[in-house]
Amino acid sequence: MIEAELPSLDEFVDLETLHASVHNTFPTQQSIRWYLRGNRDALVEHGALIVVAGRLRFHPGRFKLAAVAIGQKAAS
């Protein structure tokens, strides 16, 4: 991903905040963790996941788009 395409660090949130925006699809924070284990590379590739100071940070909008792309690929 080109740096100019990267969102600001302020746009990335912790797991709890991400969960609030995706709770209809991922009913628990543990369900997000489980999803992350199988799709980490794709989430990183879509710019939905970064690690800062050893902590996972998520971009909610990109996470949702990545989940759609991952789901579409799984359905094909």
C-alpha atoms as a PDB file:
ATOM      1  CA  MET A   1       0.000   0.000   0.000  1.00  0.00           C
ATOM      2  CA  ILE A   2       1.309   3.443  -0.900  1.00  0.00           C
ATOM      3  CA  GLU A   3       1.845   5.787   2.055  1.00  0.00           C
ATOM      4  CA  ALA A   4      -0.307   8.516   0.511  1.00  0.00           C
ATOM      5  CA  GLU A   5      -3.235   6.094   0.655  1.00  0.00           C
ATOM      6  CA  LEU A   6      -2.851   5.416   4.366  1.00  0.00           C
ATOM      7  CA  PRO A   7      -5.353   7.011   6.724  1.00  0.00           C
ATOM      8  CA  SER A   8      -4.294   9.096   9.694  1.00  0.00           C
ATOM      9  CA  LEU A   9      -3.349   7.269  12.889  1.00  0.00           C
ATOM     10  CA  ASP A  10      -6.277   9.016  14.580  1.00  0.00           C
ATOM     11  CA  GLU A  11      -8.663   7.009  12.389  1.00  0.00           C
ATOM     12  CA  PHE A  12      -7.507   3.703  13.889  1.00  0.00           C
ATOM     13  CA  VAL A  13      -9.282   2.405  16.980  1.00  0.00           C
ATOM     14  CA  ASP A  14      -8.935  -0.310  19.600  1.00  0.00           C
ATOM     15  CA  LEU A  15     -10.848  -3.601  19.553  1.00  0.00           C
ATOM     16  CA  GLU A  16     -13.601  -2.352  21.847  1.00  0.00           C
ATOM     17  CA  THR A  17     -14.362   0.627  19.622  1.00  0.00           C
ATOM     18  CA  LEU A  18     -14.223  -1.522  16.488  1.00  0.00           C
ATOM     19  CA  HIS A  19     -16.648  -3.974  18.060  1.00  0.00           C
ATOM     20  CA  ALA A  20     -19.198  -1.206  18.594  1.00  0.00           C
ATOM     21  CA  SER A  21     -19.295  -0.592  14.828  1.00  0.00           C
ATOM     22  CA  VAL A  22     -19.398  -4.254  13.684  1.00  0.00           C
ATOM     23  CA  HIS A  23     -21.391  -5.925  16.462  1.00  0.00           C
ATOM     24  CA  ASN A  24     -24.186  -6.996  14.085  1.00  0.00           C
ATOM     25  CA  THR A  25     -21.764  -9.243  12.206  1.00  0.00           C
ATOM     26  CA  PHE A  26     -19.366  -9.984  15.070  1.00  0.00           C
ATOM     27  CA  PRO A  27     -21.506 -10.319  18.214  1.00  0.00           C
ATOM     28  CA  THR A  28     -18.532 -10.526  20.603  1.00  0.00           C
ATOM     29  CA  GLN A  29     -14.991  -9.204  20.749  1.00  0.00           C
ATOM     30  CA  GLN A  30     -13.870 -12.835  20.792  1.00  0.00           C
ATOM     31  CA  SER A  31     -15.551 -13.373  17.421  1.00  0.00           C
ATOM     32  CA  ILE A  32     -13.418 -10.548  16.008  1.00  0.00           C
ATOM     33  CA  ARG A  33     -10.294 -12.136  17.501  1.00  0.00           C
ATOM     34  CA  TRP A  34     -11.240 -15.478  15.920  1.00  0.00           C
ATOM     35  CA  TYR A  35     -11.822 -13.772  12.544  1.00  0.00           C
ATOM     36  CA  LEU A  36      -8.482 -11.998  12.872  1.00  0.00           C
ATOM     37  CA  ARG A  37      -6.624 -15.305  13.337  1.00  0.00           C
ATOM     38  CA  GLY A  38      -7.803 -16.573   9.961  1.00  0.00           C
ATOM     39  CA  ASN A  39      -7.738 -13.314   8.011  1.00  0.00           C
ATOM     40  CA  ARG A  40      -4.909 -11.224   9.431  1.00  0.00           C
ATOM     41  CA  ASP A  41      -2.941 -10.978   6.185  1.00  0.00           C
ATOM     42  CA  ALA A  42      -5.973  -9.852   4.189  1.00  0.00           C
ATOM     43  CA  LEU A  43      -6.922  -7.282   6.839  1.00  0.00           C
ATOM     44  CA  VAL A  44      -3.393  -5.857   6.748  1.00  0.00           C
ATOM     45  CA  GLU A  45      -3.424  -5.834   2.951  1.00  0.00           C
ATOM     46  CA  HIS A  46      -6.685  -3.853   2.958  1.00  0.00           C
ATOM     47  CA  GLY A  47      -5.270  -1.339   5.449  1.00  0.00           C
ATOM     48  CA  ALA A  48      -7.760  -2.419   8.114  1.00  0.00           C
ATOM     49  CA  LEU A  49      -5.198  -3.574  10.682  1.00  0.00           C
ATOM     50  CA  ILE A  50      -1.941  -2.117  11.967  1.00  0.00           C
ATOM     51  CA  VAL A  51       0.185  -2.666  15.051  1.00  0.00           C
ATOM     52  CA  VAL A  52       1.367   0.393  16.983  1.00  0.00           C
ATOM     53  CA  ALA A  53       3.460   0.059  20.123  1.00  0.00           C
ATOM     54  CA  GLY A  54       2.690  -3.651  20.160  1.00  0.00           C
ATOM     55  CA  ARG A  55      -1.083  -3.079  20.125  1.00  0.00           C
ATOM     56  CA  LEU A  56      -3.583  -3.922  17.432  1.00  0.00           C
ATOM     57  CA  ARG A  57      -5.383  -0.938  15.930  1.00  0.00           C
ATOM     58  CA  PHE A  58      -8.256  -1.194  13.479  1.00  0.00           C
ATOM     59  CA  HIS A  59      -9.667   1.118  10.837  1.00  0.00           C
ATOM     60  CA  PRO A  60     -13.440   0.529  11.094  1.00  0.00           C
ATOM     61  CA  GLY A  61     -14.325   1.540   7.540  1.00  0.00           C
ATOM     62  CA  ARG A  62     -11.531  -0.454   5.984  1.00  0.00           C
ATOM     63  CA  PHE A  63     -12.299  -3.399   8.283  1.00  0.00           C
ATOM     64  CA  LYS A  64     -15.861  -3.506   6.962  1.00  0.00           C
ATOM     65  CA  LEU A  65     -14.682  -3.278   3.348  1.00  0.00           C
ATOM     66  CA  ALA A  66     -12.091  -5.987   3.949  1.00  0.00           C
ATOM     67  CA  ALA A  67     -14.710  -8.254   5.528  1.00  0.00           C
ATOM     68  CA  VAL A  68     -16.877  -7.877   2.420  1.00  0.00           C
ATOM     69  CA  ALA A  69     -13.933  -8.669   0.115  1.00  0.00           C
ATOM     70  CA  ILE A  70     -12.895 -11.655   2.239  1.00  0.00           C
ATOM     71  CA  GLY A  71     -16.473 -12.903   2.319  1.00  0.00           C
ATOM     72  CA  GLN A  72     -16.857 -12.494  -1.423  1.00  0.00           C
ATOM     73  CA  LYS A  73     -13.692 -14.485  -2.036  1.00  0.00           C
ATOM     74  CA  ALA A  74     -14.876 -17.206   0.353  1.00  0.00           C
ATOM     75  CA  ALA A  75     -18.205 -17.420  -1.478  1.00  0.00           C
ATOM     76  CA  SER A  76     -16.609 -17.947  -4.895  1.00  0.00           C
END
